[in-house]
């Protein structure tokens, strides 16, 4: 499954282990999500940080694949934030 197939109210797992609920039906490099982390907050999440779809009824998980553009954004982001480290 690709991130563009995710729909509003889908529960997903993020790369850092936190859970999030999709809050839009858009496609692209960012999605609006309610993130359940240290605090519950709503905001934009990079699509490449979404790694699994959680089926709450069946209790199964489906791995997410990313588009080439989303992989390019991840490489850009990794390069940017890794360059800021001392």
Protein backbone atom coordinates (compact mmCIF):
# COMPACT_ATOMS: atom_id res chain seq x y z
CA UNK A 1 0.00 0.00 0.00
CA UNK A 2 1.25 3.52 -0.76
CA UNK A 3 0.67 6.59 1.40
CA UNK A 4 -1.54 8.12 -1.29
CA UNK A 5 -4.07 5.30 -0.66
CA UNK A 6 -4.51 6.23 3.01
CA UNK A 7 -7.88 7.75 3.85
CA UNK A 8 -9.21 10.00 6.60
CA UNK A 9 -9.50 8.21 9.97
CA UNK A 10 -6.93 5.50 9.10
CA UNK A 11 -4.66 4.66 12.04
CA UNK A 12 -0.97 4.52 11.14
CA UNK A 13 2.35 3.95 12.85
CA UNK A 14 5.11 6.50 12.37
CA UNK A 15 8.82 5.79 11.97
CA UNK A 16 9.52 6.90 15.56
CA UNK A 17 6.98 4.37 16.91
CA UNK A 18 4.17 6.82 17.67
CA UNK A 19 0.67 6.29 16.35
CA UNK A 20 -1.27 8.82 14.28
CA UNK A 21 -4.73 9.14 12.77
CA UNK A 22 -4.98 10.54 9.24
CA UNK A 23 -7.13 13.70 9.22
CA UNK A 24 -7.32 14.40 5.47
CA UNK A 25 -7.80 12.68 2.12
CA UNK A 26 -4.96 14.44 0.33
CA UNK A 27 -2.01 12.95 -1.49
CA UNK A 28 1.61 14.03 -1.61
CA UNK A 29 4.61 14.57 0.62
CA UNK A 30 2.76 15.65 3.76
CA UNK A 31 -0.44 14.50 5.45
CA UNK A 32 -2.48 16.13 8.19
CA UNK A 33 -2.56 13.82 11.22
CA UNK A 34 -3.48 13.69 14.86
CA UNK A 35 -0.31 12.33 16.44
CA UNK A 36 -0.41 10.41 19.72
CA UNK A 37 3.07 11.00 21.18
CA UNK A 38 4.21 12.77 24.33
CA UNK A 39 1.10 14.89 23.81
CA UNK A 40 -1.78 14.52 21.37
CA UNK A 41 -1.33 17.11 18.63
CA UNK A 42 -2.56 17.71 15.11
CA UNK A 43 -0.20 18.79 12.37
CA UNK A 44 1.58 17.95 9.16
CA UNK A 45 3.52 14.69 8.97
CA UNK A 46 5.95 13.82 6.19
CA UNK A 47 4.55 10.91 4.19
CA UNK A 48 7.89 9.11 4.37
CA UNK A 49 7.52 8.96 8.18
CA UNK A 50 4.35 6.83 7.86
CA UNK A 51 5.48 3.18 7.88
CA UNK A 52 2.42 1.00 8.66
CA UNK A 53 -1.34 1.02 8.35
CA UNK A 54 -3.03 -0.47 11.42
CA UNK A 55 -6.34 -2.31 10.92
CA UNK A 56 -8.01 -1.82 14.29
CA UNK A 57 -10.75 -4.39 13.63
CA UNK A 58 -8.63 -7.28 12.39
CA UNK A 59 -5.57 -6.35 14.42
CA UNK A 60 -3.30 -6.55 11.36
CA UNK A 61 -0.68 -4.19 10.02
CA UNK A 62 0.22 -3.39 6.42
CA UNK A 63 3.61 -1.99 5.45
CA UNK A 64 3.56 1.27 3.52
CA UNK A 65 5.65 1.83 0.39
CA UNK A 66 6.69 5.30 -0.68
CA UNK A 67 6.78 6.98 -4.07
CA UNK A 68 10.07 8.04 -5.64
CA UNK A 69 9.24 11.68 -4.89
CA UNK A 70 8.61 10.85 -1.21
CA UNK A 71 11.95 9.00 -1.09
CA UNK A 72 13.64 12.08 -2.58
CA UNK A 73 12.05 14.31 0.08
CA UNK A 74 13.28 11.90 2.78
CA UNK A 75 16.83 12.07 1.37
CA UNK A 76 16.64 15.88 1.30
CA UNK A 77 15.31 15.98 4.89
CA UNK A 78 17.93 13.53 6.17
CA UNK A 79 20.69 15.53 4.48
CA UNK A 80 19.39 18.82 5.87
CA UNK A 81 18.99 17.69 9.48
CA UNK A 82 22.15 15.59 9.56
CA UNK A 83 24.15 18.60 8.36
CA UNK A 84 22.99 20.60 11.40
CA UNK A 85 24.66 18.21 13.85
CA UNK A 86 28.04 19.33 15.30
